[in-house]
């Protein structure tokens, strides 16, 4: 991808939507709380995300978004992206309001947005090099990734007055709150995966010289626009969403399966019931998990039920009617466990 040149009138930036935060007990173990915060925005690996494109936008803008989804998917990640022509069937609804800037909700927060509202918007031409980077950037937010320049490990010291002056003026014309939310605010350590700063990340803004006090070289030279996904972008998305195994172990009724998972790890098991009846699927042990059950329909996983027990003193449990002769997949994402090997999943 071609590295974008700075527009004559300055960079226009993503105004990411505030991320929801789970209400956790105030006395929760800090490490446990951190793992919940980091993981909760991410999708269960193996999810198919359906996206809808506002039909009134030009076809070239539609194609640029398709290409950006394809760039992420072609890395071999375990997520799939499927375009649909009905907004009611889409988890990701994409508008092209040129007066509203470019923005997205973060990760699974899109599931809480009313079905008639967009979860992402593109406010400028996506057929330019900067537009192509913007499309990758906004999809990165939908995958659950925050702004990289707000990484607390970056150690950026801003010239706050110059930053406020720059971004409250055109072409962004943000409020002071928007500037602080999108640039000056540091993410808390519990919101990042402990990664080193990656100034080449597609999730990083470009910055003109004079806005950064330290590191000195970036204040002097600025930070150029990314030219696509960086090496760290590729590494991190595959860490969260690795390619799926073609053959999964079977979860048999009445038999628990131990889960040997590290934090943020995921177990996938297939269920092929021989009897049509109501079943329960649940986890056991001292752990925080997200459990999701899908039915395989025409080669695509369709969500049936899910439960998230993170930060509580209970285990994840779903009750659902399964039909003999059909195929289902149980996916369990681990947030945190007291010790390795202390978590199991069971069907009964």
C-alpha atoms as a PDB file:
ATOM      1  CA  UNK A   1       0.000   0.000   0.000  1.00  0.00           C
ATOM      2  CA  UNK A   2       1.257   3.512  -0.781  1.00  0.00           C
ATOM      3  CA  UNK A   3       2.167   5.616   2.257  1.00  0.00           C
ATOM      4  CA  UNK A   4      -0.309   8.536   2.330  1.00  0.00           C
ATOM      5  CA  UNK A   5       0.964  12.070   1.861  1.00  0.00           C
ATOM      6  CA  UNK A   6      -0.183  14.758   4.229  1.00  0.00           C
ATOM      7  CA  UNK A   7      -3.197  16.603   2.736  1.00  0.00           C
ATOM      8  CA  UNK A   8      -2.642  20.300   2.122  1.00  0.00           C
ATOM      9  CA  UNK A   9      -5.224  21.264   4.722  1.00  0.00           C
ATOM     10  CA  UNK A  10      -4.038  18.735   7.346  1.00  0.00           C
ATOM     11  CA  UNK A  11      -4.930  15.246   8.513  1.00  0.00           C
ATOM     12  CA  UNK A  12      -8.517  14.248   9.271  1.00  0.00           C
ATOM     13  CA  UNK A  13      -8.745  11.694  12.057  1.00  0.00           C
ATOM     14  CA  UNK A  14     -10.915   8.940  13.492  1.00  0.00           C
ATOM     15  CA  UNK A  15     -13.139   9.974  16.395  1.00  0.00           C
ATOM     16  CA  UNK A  16     -13.464   6.562  18.067  1.00  0.00           C
ATOM     17  CA  UNK A  17     -16.607   6.006  20.122  1.00  0.00           C
ATOM     18  CA  UNK A  18     -16.165   5.630  23.902  1.00  0.00           C
ATOM     19  CA  UNK A  19     -15.665   2.012  24.905  1.00  0.00           C
ATOM     20  CA  UNK A  20     -17.986   0.393  27.432  1.00  0.00           C
ATOM     21  CA  UNK A  21     -16.449  -0.901  30.633  1.00  0.00           C
ATOM     22  CA  UNK A  22     -17.896  -3.766  32.669  1.00  0.00           C
ATOM     23  CA  UNK A  23     -18.997  -3.021  36.211  1.00  0.00           C
ATOM     24  CA  UNK A  24     -16.585  -5.136  38.233  1.00  0.00           C
ATOM     25  CA  UNK A  25     -16.419  -5.503  42.029  1.00  0.00           C
ATOM     26  CA  UNK A  26     -14.074  -2.819  43.421  1.00  0.00           C
ATOM     27  CA  UNK A  27     -12.065  -5.381  45.407  1.00  0.00           C
ATOM     28  CA  UNK A  28     -11.467  -7.675  42.409  1.00  0.00           C
ATOM     29  CA  UNK A  29      -7.919  -8.969  41.981  1.00  0.00           C
ATOM     30  CA  UNK A  30      -6.191  -6.313  39.770  1.00  0.00           C
ATOM     31  CA  UNK A  31      -4.683  -8.895  37.419  1.00  0.00           C
ATOM     32  CA  UNK A  32      -8.082 -10.540  37.022  1.00  0.00           C
ATOM     33  CA  UNK A  33      -9.735  -7.175  36.312  1.00  0.00           C
ATOM     34  CA  UNK A  34      -7.045  -6.300  33.767  1.00  0.00           C
ATOM     35  CA  UNK A  35      -7.531  -9.538  31.814  1.00  0.00           C
ATOM     36  CA  UNK A  36     -11.304  -9.001  31.764  1.00  0.00           C
ATOM     37  CA  UNK A  37     -10.938  -5.421  30.468  1.00  0.00           C
ATOM     38  CA  UNK A  38      -8.442  -6.413  27.761  1.00  0.00           C
ATOM     39  CA  UNK A  39     -10.382  -9.436  26.519  1.00  0.00           C
ATOM     40  CA  UNK A  40     -13.998  -8.396  26.855  1.00  0.00           C
ATOM     41  CA  UNK A  41     -14.081  -6.248  23.702  1.00  0.00           C
ATOM     42  CA  UNK A  42     -12.704  -9.061  21.536  1.00  0.00           C
ATOM     43  CA  UNK A  43     -14.922 -11.436  19.588  1.00  0.00           C
ATOM     44  CA  UNK A  44     -14.993 -15.166  20.143  1.00  0.00           C
ATOM     45  CA  UNK A  45     -12.664 -16.546  17.500  1.00  0.00           C
ATOM     46  CA  UNK A  46     -14.588 -18.290  14.743  1.00  0.00           C
ATOM     47  CA  UNK A  47     -17.339 -15.662  14.677  1.00  0.00           C
ATOM     48  CA  UNK A  48     -18.749 -14.572  11.312  1.00  0.00           C
ATOM     49  CA  UNK A  49     -19.295 -10.810  11.295  1.00  0.00           C
ATOM     50  CA  UNK A  50     -21.935  -9.643   8.855  1.00  0.00           C
ATOM     51  CA  UNK A  51     -21.533  -6.107   7.540  1.00  0.00           C
ATOM     52  CA  UNK A  52     -23.971  -3.847   5.709  1.00  0.00           C
ATOM     53  CA  UNK A  53     -22.979  -0.922   3.508  1.00  0.00           C
ATOM     54  CA  UNK A  54     -25.282   2.081   3.245  1.00  0.00           C
ATOM     55  CA  UNK A  55     -26.589   1.631  -0.313  1.00  0.00           C
ATOM     56  CA  UNK A  56     -26.664   5.320  -1.264  1.00  0.00           C
ATOM     57  CA  UNK A  57     -22.851   5.595  -1.145  1.00  0.00           C
ATOM     58  CA  UNK A  58     -20.894   5.341  -4.424  1.00  0.00           C
ATOM     59  CA  UNK A  59     -19.821   1.870  -5.469  1.00  0.00           C
ATOM     60  CA  UNK A  60     -16.122   2.820  -5.291  1.00  0.00           C
ATOM     61  CA  UNK A  61     -16.518   3.566  -1.574  1.00  0.00           C
ATOM     62  CA  UNK A  62     -18.229   0.203  -1.059  1.00  0.00           C
ATOM     63  CA  UNK A  63     -15.395  -1.573  -2.829  1.00  0.00           C
ATOM     64  CA  UNK A  64     -12.763   0.158  -0.704  1.00  0.00           C
ATOM     65  CA  UNK A  65     -14.456  -1.187   2.439  1.00  0.00           C
ATOM     66  CA  UNK A  66     -14.683  -4.686   0.962  1.00  0.00           C
ATOM     67  CA  UNK A  67     -10.997  -4.526   0.110  1.00  0.00           C
ATOM     68  CA  UNK A  68     -10.128  -3.492   3.673  1.00  0.00           C
ATOM     69  CA  UNK A  69     -12.116  -6.365   5.171  1.00  0.00           C
ATOM     70  CA  UNK A  70     -10.336  -8.648   2.707  1.00  0.00           C
ATOM     71  CA  UNK A  71      -6.912  -7.387   3.822  1.00  0.00           C
ATOM     72  CA  UNK A  72      -7.634  -8.310   7.441  1.00  0.00           C
ATOM     73  CA  UNK A  73      -9.223 -11.666   6.552  1.00  0.00           C
ATOM     74  CA  UNK A  74      -6.422 -12.628   4.132  1.00  0.00           C
ATOM     75  CA  UNK A  75      -4.012 -12.745   7.067  1.00  0.00           C
ATOM     76  CA  UNK A  76      -5.577 -16.119   7.876  1.00  0.00           C
ATOM     77  CA  UNK A  77      -7.463 -14.984  10.978  1.00  0.00           C
ATOM     78  CA  UNK A  78     -10.248 -17.078  12.476  1.00  0.00           C
ATOM     79  CA  UNK A  79     -12.917 -14.415  11.905  1.00  0.00           C
ATOM     80  CA  UNK A  80     -14.884 -14.161   8.679  1.00  0.00           C
ATOM     81  CA  UNK A  81     -16.594 -11.114   7.171  1.00  0.00           C
ATOM     82  CA  UNK A  82     -19.748 -11.530   5.115  1.00  0.00           C
ATOM     83  CA  UNK A  83     -21.545  -8.676   3.367  1.00  0.00           C
ATOM     84  CA  UNK A  84     -25.342  -8.656   3.638  1.00  0.00           C
ATOM     85  CA  UNK A  85     -27.921  -6.433   1.958  1.00  0.00           C
ATOM     86  CA  UNK A  86     -30.211  -6.120   4.988  1.00  0.00           C
ATOM     87  CA  UNK A  87     -29.113  -3.938   7.926  1.00  0.00           C
ATOM     88  CA  UNK A  88     -31.213  -6.053  10.285  1.00  0.00           C
ATOM     89  CA  UNK A  89     -28.924  -9.038   9.612  1.00  0.00           C
ATOM     90  CA  UNK A  90     -25.697  -7.126  10.213  1.00  0.00           C
ATOM     91  CA  UNK A  91     -23.669  -6.773  13.386  1.00  0.00           C
ATOM     92  CA  UNK A  92     -21.588  -4.084  11.613  1.00  0.00           C
ATOM     93  CA  UNK A  93     -23.543  -1.330   9.876  1.00  0.00           C
ATOM     94  CA  UNK A  94     -21.480   1.117   7.850  1.00  0.00           C
ATOM     95  CA  UNK A  95     -22.570   4.635   6.896  1.00  0.00           C
ATOM     96  CA  UNK A  96     -20.840   7.161   4.633  1.00  0.00           C
ATOM     97  CA  UNK A  97     -21.972  10.485   6.129  1.00  0.00           C
ATOM     98  CA  UNK A  98     -19.399  12.976   4.826  1.00  0.00           C
ATOM     99  CA  UNK A  99     -20.320  15.497   7.503  1.00  0.00           C
ATOM    100  CA  UNK A 100     -19.779  13.200  10.483  1.00  0.00           C
ATOM    101  CA  UNK A 101     -16.091  12.270  10.247  1.00  0.00           C
ATOM    102  CA  UNK A 102     -14.794   8.716  10.429  1.00  0.00           C
ATOM    103  CA  UNK A 103     -15.426   6.620  13.527  1.00  0.00           C
ATOM    104  CA  UNK A 104     -16.313   3.186  14.872  1.00  0.00           C
ATOM    105  CA  UNK A 105     -17.428   1.506  18.044  1.00  0.00           C
ATOM    106  CA  UNK A 106     -14.880  -0.881  19.563  1.00  0.00           C
ATOM    107  CA  UNK A 107     -15.248  -4.663  19.322  1.00  0.00           C
ATOM    108  CA  UNK A 108     -18.360  -6.274  20.755  1.00  0.00           C
ATOM    109  CA  UNK A 109     -19.774  -2.875  21.733  1.00  0.00           C
ATOM    110  CA  UNK A 110     -21.403  -2.916  18.278  1.00  0.00           C
ATOM    111  CA  UNK A 111     -23.851  -5.520  19.621  1.00  0.00           C
ATOM    112  CA  UNK A 112     -25.347  -2.938  21.971  1.00  0.00           C
ATOM    113  CA  UNK A 113     -26.072  -0.353  19.272  1.00  0.00           C
ATOM    114  CA  UNK A 114     -29.723  -0.126  18.146  1.00  0.00           C
ATOM    115  CA  UNK A 115     -30.294  -1.977  14.893  1.00  0.00           C
ATOM    116  CA  UNK A 116     -31.334   1.165  13.002  1.00  0.00           C
ATOM    117  CA  UNK A 117     -28.058   2.953  13.842  1.00  0.00           C
ATOM    118  CA  UNK A 118     -24.643   2.727  12.209  1.00  0.00           C
ATOM    119  CA  UNK A 119     -21.748   1.169  14.117  1.00  0.00           C
ATOM    120  CA  UNK A 120     -19.120   2.708  11.805  1.00  0.00           C
ATOM    121  CA  UNK A 121     -18.942   5.774   9.579  1.00  0.00           C
ATOM    122  CA  UNK A 122     -16.591   6.972   6.865  1.00  0.00           C
ATOM    123  CA  UNK A 123     -16.491  10.726   6.487  1.00  0.00           C
ATOM    124  CA  UNK A 124     -14.059  11.102   3.569  1.00  0.00           C
ATOM    125  CA  UNK A 125     -13.044   9.489   0.278  1.00  0.00           C
ATOM    126  CA  UNK A 126     -11.749   5.941   0.774  1.00  0.00           C
ATOM    127  CA  UNK A 127     -10.236   5.619  -2.711  1.00  0.00           C
ATOM    128  CA  UNK A 128      -7.147   7.672  -1.742  1.00  0.00           C
ATOM    129  CA  UNK A 129      -4.126   6.180   0.104  1.00  0.00           C
ATOM    130  CA  UNK A 130      -5.277   7.879   3.343  1.00  0.00           C
ATOM    131  CA  UNK A 131      -8.816   6.623   2.755  1.00  0.00           C
ATOM    132  CA  UNK A 132      -7.560   3.041   2.377  1.00  0.00           C
ATOM    133  CA  UNK A 133      -5.664   3.332   5.670  1.00  0.00           C
ATOM    134  CA  UNK A 134      -8.774   4.794   7.311  1.00  0.00           C
ATOM    135  CA  UNK A 135     -10.857   1.798   6.233  1.00  0.00           C
ATOM    136  CA  UNK A 136      -8.321  -0.620   7.756  1.00  0.00           C
ATOM    137  CA  UNK A 137      -8.182   1.525  10.912  1.00  0.00           C
ATOM    138  CA  UNK A 138     -11.937   1.597  11.534  1.00  0.00           C
ATOM    139  CA  UNK A 139     -12.237  -2.155  10.965  1.00  0.00           C
ATOM    140  CA  UNK A 140      -9.390  -2.566  13.454  1.00  0.00           C
ATOM    141  CA  UNK A 141     -11.580  -0.837  16.049  1.00  0.00           C
ATOM    142  CA  UNK A 142     -14.434  -3.210  15.249  1.00  0.00           C
ATOM    143  CA  UNK A 143     -12.037  -6.109  15.865  1.00  0.00           C
ATOM    144  CA  UNK A 144     -11.461  -4.704  19.356  1.00  0.00           C
ATOM    145  CA  UNK A 145      -8.234  -2.724  18.973  1.00  0.00           C
ATOM    146  CA  UNK A 146      -7.784   0.786  20.484  1.00  0.00           C
ATOM    147  CA  UNK A 147      -5.694   3.721  19.274  1.00  0.00           C
ATOM    148  CA  UNK A 148      -2.010   2.805  19.384  1.00  0.00           C
ATOM    149  CA  UNK A 149      -0.788   6.363  20.083  1.00  0.00           C
ATOM    150  CA  UNK A 150      -2.717   6.163  23.387  1.00  0.00           C
ATOM    151  CA  UNK A 151      -0.758   3.092  24.447  1.00  0.00           C
ATOM    152  CA  UNK A 152       0.623   3.913  27.920  1.00  0.00           C
ATOM    153  CA  UNK A 153       3.852   2.129  26.946  1.00  0.00           C
ATOM    154  CA  UNK A 154       4.508   4.724  24.241  1.00  0.00           C
ATOM    155  CA  UNK A 155       5.813   7.297  26.693  1.00  0.00           C
ATOM    156  CA  UNK A 156       4.577  10.166  24.517  1.00  0.00           C
ATOM    157  CA  UNK A 157       4.671  13.567  26.197  1.00  0.00           C
ATOM    158  CA  UNK A 158       2.426  16.000  24.350  1.00  0.00           C
ATOM    159  CA  UNK A 159       2.591  19.743  23.965  1.00  0.00           C
ATOM    160  CA  UNK A 160      -1.011  19.890  25.151  1.00  0.00           C
ATOM    161  CA  UNK A 161      -1.699  23.488  24.158  1.00  0.00           C
ATOM    162  CA  UNK A 162      -0.416  22.956  20.623  1.00  0.00           C
ATOM    163  CA  UNK A 163      -2.399  19.711  20.325  1.00  0.00           C
ATOM    164  CA  UNK A 164      -5.577  21.423  21.517  1.00  0.00           C
ATOM    165  CA  UNK A 165      -5.009  24.332  19.146  1.00  0.00           C
ATOM    166  CA  UNK A 166      -4.314  21.981  16.214  1.00  0.00           C
ATOM    167  CA  UNK A 167      -7.328  19.722  16.604  1.00  0.00           C
ATOM    168  CA  UNK A 168      -9.988  22.177  17.746  1.00  0.00           C
ATOM    169  CA  UNK A 169      -9.317  23.995  14.472  1.00  0.00           C
ATOM    170  CA  UNK A 170     -10.009  22.777  10.919  1.00  0.00           C
ATOM    171  CA  UNK A 171     -10.102  20.286   9.332  1.00  0.00           C
ATOM    172  CA  UNK A 172     -11.153  18.253  12.430  1.00  0.00           C
ATOM    173  CA  UNK A 173     -12.776  21.058  14.481  1.00  0.00           C
ATOM    174  CA  UNK A 174     -13.127  18.846  17.530  1.00  0.00           C
ATOM    175  CA  UNK A 175     -14.204  19.909  20.986  1.00  0.00           C
ATOM    176  CA  UNK A 176     -11.586  19.835  23.731  1.00  0.00           C
ATOM    177  CA  UNK A 177     -13.245  16.681  25.102  1.00  0.00           C
ATOM    178  CA  UNK A 178     -12.830  14.962  21.722  1.00  0.00           C
ATOM    179  CA  UNK A 179      -9.147  15.926  21.557  1.00  0.00           C
ATOM    180  CA  UNK A 180      -8.531  14.573  25.037  1.00  0.00           C
ATOM    181  CA  UNK A 181     -10.498  11.398  24.345  1.00  0.00           C
ATOM    182  CA  UNK A 182      -8.793  10.592  21.037  1.00  0.00           C
ATOM    183  CA  UNK A 183      -5.243  11.879  21.611  1.00  0.00           C
ATOM    184  CA  UNK A 184      -4.176  13.195  25.004  1.00  0.00           C
ATOM    185  CA  UNK A 185      -5.850  10.521  27.129  1.00  0.00           C
ATOM    186  CA  UNK A 186      -3.640   7.548  27.927  1.00  0.00           C
ATOM    187  CA  UNK A 187      -5.240   4.133  27.991  1.00  0.00           C
ATOM    188  CA  UNK A 188      -4.991   2.563  31.423  1.00  0.00           C
ATOM    189  CA  UNK A 189      -2.488  -0.313  31.638  1.00  0.00           C
ATOM    190  CA  UNK A 190      -5.397  -2.721  32.147  1.00  0.00           C
ATOM    191  CA  UNK A 191      -6.782  -1.820  28.697  1.00  0.00           C
ATOM    192  CA  UNK A 192      -3.724  -2.913  26.701  1.00  0.00           C
ATOM    193  CA  UNK A 193      -2.052  -6.241  26.131  1.00  0.00           C
ATOM    194  CA  UNK A 194       1.297  -5.128  27.520  1.00  0.00           C
ATOM    195  CA  UNK A 195       2.667  -4.573  24.031  1.00  0.00           C
ATOM    196  CA  UNK A 196       5.494  -2.194  23.203  1.00  0.00           C
ATOM    197  CA  UNK A 197       4.574   0.949  21.313  1.00  0.00           C
ATOM    198  CA  UNK A 198       4.221   0.489  17.548  1.00  0.00           C
ATOM    199  CA  UNK A 199       4.293   3.891  15.788  1.00  0.00           C
ATOM    200  CA  UNK A 200       3.838   2.101  12.438  1.00  0.00           C
ATOM    201  CA  UNK A 201       0.540   0.475  13.458  1.00  0.00           C
ATOM    202  CA  UNK A 202      -2.518   1.122  11.314  1.00  0.00           C
ATOM    203  CA  UNK A 203      -4.196   2.010  14.628  1.00  0.00           C
ATOM    204  CA  UNK A 204      -1.782   4.956  15.067  1.00  0.00           C
ATOM    205  CA  UNK A 205      -2.505   8.488  13.887  1.00  0.00           C
ATOM    206  CA  UNK A 206       0.096  10.431  11.895  1.00  0.00           C
ATOM    207  CA  UNK A 207       1.246  13.613  13.626  1.00  0.00           C
ATOM    208  CA  UNK A 208       2.844  16.775  12.290  1.00  0.00           C
ATOM    209  CA  UNK A 209       6.122  18.052  13.786  1.00  0.00           C
ATOM    210  CA  UNK A 210       5.849  20.188  16.913  1.00  0.00           C
ATOM    211  CA  UNK A 211       3.051  18.355  18.710  1.00  0.00           C
ATOM    212  CA  UNK A 212       5.187  15.904  20.701  1.00  0.00           C
ATOM    213  CA  UNK A 213       7.679  16.990  23.364  1.00  0.00           C
ATOM    214  CA  UNK A 214       9.155  13.524  23.915  1.00  0.00           C
ATOM    215  CA  UNK A 215      10.477  11.294  22.354  1.00  0.00           C
ATOM    216  CA  UNK A 216      12.332  14.254  20.837  1.00  0.00           C
ATOM    217  CA  UNK A 217      12.759  12.757  17.365  1.00  0.00           C
ATOM    218  CA  UNK A 218       8.981  12.527  16.895  1.00  0.00           C
ATOM    219  CA  UNK A 219       8.512  16.088  18.041  1.00  0.00           C
ATOM    220  CA  UNK A 220      11.117  17.202  15.542  1.00  0.00           C
ATOM    221  CA  UNK A 221      10.123  15.007  12.595  1.00  0.00           C
ATOM    222  CA  UNK A 222       6.523  14.093  13.367  1.00  0.00           C
ATOM    223  CA  UNK A 223       5.099  10.614  12.811  1.00  0.00           C
ATOM    224  CA  UNK A 224       4.211   9.604   9.239  1.00  0.00           C
ATOM    225  CA  UNK A 225       0.955   7.960   8.274  1.00  0.00           C
ATOM    226  CA  UNK A 226       0.982   4.161   8.271  1.00  0.00           C
ATOM    227  CA  UNK A 227       1.113   2.489   4.868  1.00  0.00           C
ATOM    228  CA  UNK A 228      -1.062  -0.460   5.881  1.00  0.00           C
ATOM    229  CA  UNK A 229      -0.926  -3.168   8.529  1.00  0.00           C
ATOM    230  CA  UNK A 230       2.368  -3.245  10.417  1.00  0.00           C
ATOM    231  CA  UNK A 231       4.185  -6.402  11.425  1.00  0.00           C
ATOM    232  CA  UNK A 232       2.888  -5.981  14.985  1.00  0.00           C
ATOM    233  CA  UNK A 233      -0.670  -5.476  13.690  1.00  0.00           C
ATOM    234  CA  UNK A 234      -0.417  -8.845  11.939  1.00  0.00           C
ATOM    235  CA  UNK A 235       1.074 -10.523  14.990  1.00  0.00           C
ATOM    236  CA  UNK A 236      -1.526  -9.203  17.419  1.00  0.00           C
ATOM    237  CA  UNK A 237      -4.598  -9.923  15.306  1.00  0.00           C
ATOM    238  CA  UNK A 238      -3.406 -13.499  14.772  1.00  0.00           C
ATOM    239  CA  UNK A 239      -2.749 -13.847  18.487  1.00  0.00           C
ATOM    240  CA  UNK A 240      -6.355 -12.938  19.259  1.00  0.00           C
ATOM    241  CA  UNK A 241      -7.899 -14.600  16.201  1.00  0.00           C
ATOM    242  CA  UNK A 242      -5.650 -17.474  15.049  1.00  0.00           C
ATOM    243  CA  UNK A 243      -6.655 -19.604  12.081  1.00  0.00           C
ATOM    244  CA  UNK A 244      -9.189 -22.272  12.996  1.00  0.00           C
ATOM    245  CA  UNK A 245      -8.342 -25.948  13.306  1.00  0.00           C
ATOM    246  CA  UNK A 246     -10.182 -27.999  10.648  1.00  0.00           C
ATOM    247  CA  UNK A 247     -10.967 -30.903  13.008  1.00  0.00           C
ATOM    248  CA  UNK A 248     -12.371 -30.193  16.455  1.00  0.00           C
ATOM    249  CA  UNK A 249     -12.687 -32.531  19.442  1.00  0.00           C
ATOM    250  CA  UNK A 250     -16.183 -33.708  20.286  1.00  0.00           C
ATOM    251  CA  UNK A 251     -18.038 -32.675  23.432  1.00  0.00           C
ATOM    252  CA  UNK A 252     -20.032 -35.736  24.499  1.00  0.00           C
ATOM    253  CA  UNK A 253     -23.034 -35.490  26.859  1.00  0.00           C
ATOM    254  CA  UNK A 254     -22.141 -36.218  30.481  1.00  0.00           C
ATOM    255  CA  UNK A 255     -18.384 -36.017  30.010  1.00  0.00           C
ATOM    256  CA  UNK A 256     -16.402 -32.962  31.115  1.00  0.00           C
ATOM    257  CA  UNK A 257     -13.445 -31.764  29.051  1.00  0.00           C
ATOM    258  CA  UNK A 258     -10.558 -30.008  30.865  1.00  0.00           C
ATOM    259  CA  UNK A 259      -9.494 -26.712  29.326  1.00  0.00           C
ATOM    260  CA  UNK A 260      -5.738 -26.147  29.297  1.00  0.00           C
ATOM    261  CA  UNK A 261      -5.887 -22.468  28.371  1.00  0.00           C
ATOM    262  CA  UNK A 262      -3.722 -19.428  28.958  1.00  0.00           C
ATOM    263  CA  UNK A 263      -5.458 -16.064  29.526  1.00  0.00           C
ATOM    264  CA  UNK A 264      -7.274 -14.967  26.327  1.00  0.00           C
ATOM    265  CA  UNK A 265      -6.967 -18.518  24.987  1.00  0.00           C
ATOM    266  CA  UNK A 266      -9.929 -20.300  23.444  1.00  0.00           C
ATOM    267  CA  UNK A 267     -11.207 -23.863  23.230  1.00  0.00           C
ATOM    268  CA  UNK A 268     -13.462 -25.060  20.395  1.00  0.00           C
ATOM    269  CA  UNK A 269     -15.492 -28.269  20.533  1.00  0.00           C
ATOM    270  CA  UNK A 270     -18.099 -29.805  18.228  1.00  0.00           C
ATOM    271  CA  UNK A 271     -21.436 -31.179  19.435  1.00  0.00           C
ATOM    272  CA  UNK A 272     -23.430 -33.694  17.366  1.00  0.00           C
ATOM    273  CA  UNK A 273     -26.464 -34.675  19.444  1.00  0.00           C
ATOM    274  CA  UNK A 274     -28.099 -38.059  18.892  1.00  0.00           C
ATOM    275  CA  UNK A 275     -31.314 -36.994  20.621  1.00  0.00           C
ATOM    276  CA  UNK A 276     -33.456 -33.884  20.201  1.00  0.00           C
ATOM    277  CA  UNK A 277     -33.973 -32.334  23.621  1.00  0.00           C
ATOM    278  CA  UNK A 278     -33.009 -29.479  25.902  1.00  0.00           C
ATOM    279  CA  UNK A 279     -29.316 -29.444  26.809  1.00  0.00           C
ATOM    280  CA  UNK A 280     -27.127 -27.440  29.142  1.00  0.00           C
ATOM    281  CA  UNK A 281     -23.599 -26.382  28.325  1.00  0.00           C
ATOM    282  CA  UNK A 282     -21.500 -24.926  31.114  1.00  0.00           C
ATOM    283  CA  UNK A 283     -18.037 -24.298  32.480  1.00  0.00           C
ATOM    284  CA  UNK A 284     -16.701 -25.439  35.853  1.00  0.00           C
ATOM    285  CA  UNK A 285     -13.853 -24.158  37.996  1.00  0.00           C
ATOM    286  CA  UNK A 286     -12.478 -20.892  39.358  1.00  0.00           C
ATOM    287  CA  UNK A 287     -12.252 -18.937  36.143  1.00  0.00           C
ATOM    288  CA  UNK A 288     -13.782 -16.104  34.111  1.00  0.00           C
ATOM    289  CA  UNK A 289     -15.008 -17.271  30.725  1.00  0.00           C
ATOM    290  CA  UNK A 290     -17.120 -16.339  27.745  1.00  0.00           C
ATOM    291  CA  UNK A 291     -19.068 -19.347  26.446  1.00  0.00           C
ATOM    292  CA  UNK A 292     -20.821 -19.200  23.071  1.00  0.00           C
ATOM    293  CA  UNK A 293     -22.799 -21.862  21.231  1.00  0.00           C
ATOM    294  CA  UNK A 294     -23.199 -21.782  17.437  1.00  0.00           C
ATOM    295  CA  UNK A 295     -25.167 -23.997  15.054  1.00  0.00           C
ATOM    296  CA  UNK A 296     -23.526 -24.863  11.729  1.00  0.00           C
ATOM    297  CA  UNK A 297     -25.996 -23.851   9.008  1.00  0.00           C
ATOM    298  CA  UNK A 298     -24.913 -24.171   5.368  1.00  0.00           C
ATOM    299  CA  UNK A 299     -21.276 -24.002   6.419  1.00  0.00           C
ATOM    300  CA  UNK A 300     -21.689 -20.851   8.530  1.00  0.00           C
ATOM    301  CA  UNK A 301     -21.828 -20.667  12.349  1.00  0.00           C
ATOM    302  CA  UNK A 302     -25.089 -19.107  13.528  1.00  0.00           C
ATOM    303  CA  UNK A 303     -25.209 -17.775  17.080  1.00  0.00           C
ATOM    304  CA  UNK A 304     -27.616 -19.652  19.361  1.00  0.00           C
ATOM    305  CA  UNK A 305     -26.700 -18.707  22.926  1.00  0.00           C
ATOM    306  CA  UNK A 306     -23.906 -17.297  25.031  1.00  0.00           C
ATOM    307  CA  UNK A 307     -22.967 -16.382  28.586  1.00  0.00           C
ATOM    308  CA  UNK A 308     -20.204 -14.293  30.127  1.00  0.00           C
ATOM    309  CA  UNK A 309     -19.373 -14.969  33.789  1.00  0.00           C
ATOM    310  CA  UNK A 310     -16.379 -12.632  34.072  1.00  0.00           C
ATOM    311  CA  UNK A 311     -15.927 -10.865  37.396  1.00  0.00           C
ATOM    312  CA  UNK A 312     -18.602 -12.951  39.131  1.00  0.00           C
ATOM    313  CA  UNK A 313     -18.602 -15.961  41.475  1.00  0.00           C
ATOM    314  CA  UNK A 314     -20.548 -18.182  39.075  1.00  0.00           C
ATOM    315  CA  UNK A 315     -19.771 -20.195  35.951  1.00  0.00           C
ATOM    316  CA  UNK A 316     -20.999 -19.652  32.397  1.00  0.00           C
ATOM    317  CA  UNK A 317     -24.105 -21.665  31.525  1.00  0.00           C
ATOM    318  CA  UNK A 318     -26.507 -21.811  28.579  1.00  0.00           C
ATOM    319  CA  UNK A 319     -29.653 -23.884  28.178  1.00  0.00           C
ATOM    320  CA  UNK A 320     -30.814 -24.570  24.637  1.00  0.00           C
ATOM    321  CA  UNK A 321     -32.748 -27.111  22.591  1.00  0.00           C
ATOM    322  CA  UNK A 322     -30.486 -29.046  20.227  1.00  0.00           C
ATOM    323  CA  UNK A 323     -31.670 -31.282  17.410  1.00  0.00           C
ATOM    324  CA  UNK A 324     -30.420 -34.724  16.537  1.00  0.00           C
ATOM    325  CA  UNK A 325     -28.434 -34.936  13.320  1.00  0.00           C
ATOM    326  CA  UNK A 326     -27.334 -31.300  13.378  1.00  0.00           C
ATOM    327  CA  UNK A 327     -23.877 -29.933  14.137  1.00  0.00           C
ATOM    328  CA  UNK A 328     -23.027 -27.330  16.781  1.00  0.00           C
ATOM    329  CA  UNK A 329     -19.822 -25.682  17.977  1.00  0.00           C
ATOM    330  CA  UNK A 330     -19.046 -24.640  21.552  1.00  0.00           C
ATOM    331  CA  UNK A 331     -16.403 -21.912  21.888  1.00  0.00           C
ATOM    332  CA  UNK A 332     -14.983 -20.952  25.291  1.00  0.00           C
ATOM    333  CA  UNK A 333     -12.725 -17.897  25.622  1.00  0.00           C
ATOM    334  CA  UNK A 334     -10.814 -17.716  28.930  1.00  0.00           C
ATOM    335  CA  UNK A 335     -10.313 -14.343  30.572  1.00  0.00           C
ATOM    336  CA  UNK A 336      -8.625 -15.529  33.767  1.00  0.00           C
ATOM    337  CA  UNK A 337      -8.222 -18.630  35.976  1.00  0.00           C
ATOM    338  CA  UNK A 338      -6.755 -19.171  39.424  1.00  0.00           C
ATOM    339  CA  UNK A 339      -4.471 -21.866  38.028  1.00  0.00           C
ATOM    340  CA  UNK A 340      -3.876 -23.702  34.747  1.00  0.00           C
ATOM    341  CA  UNK A 341      -5.963 -26.818  34.261  1.00  0.00           C
ATOM    342  CA  UNK A 342      -8.644 -25.815  36.772  1.00  0.00           C
ATOM    343  CA  UNK A 343     -11.391 -25.088  34.214  1.00  0.00           C
ATOM    344  CA  UNK A 344     -13.601 -27.565  32.350  1.00  0.00           C
ATOM    345  CA  UNK A 345     -16.598 -27.485  30.016  1.00  0.00           C
ATOM    346  CA  UNK A 346     -19.451 -29.993  30.016  1.00  0.00           C
ATOM    347  CA  UNK A 347     -22.605 -30.838  28.063  1.00  0.00           C
ATOM    348  CA  UNK A 348     -25.500 -32.561  29.815  1.00  0.00           C
END
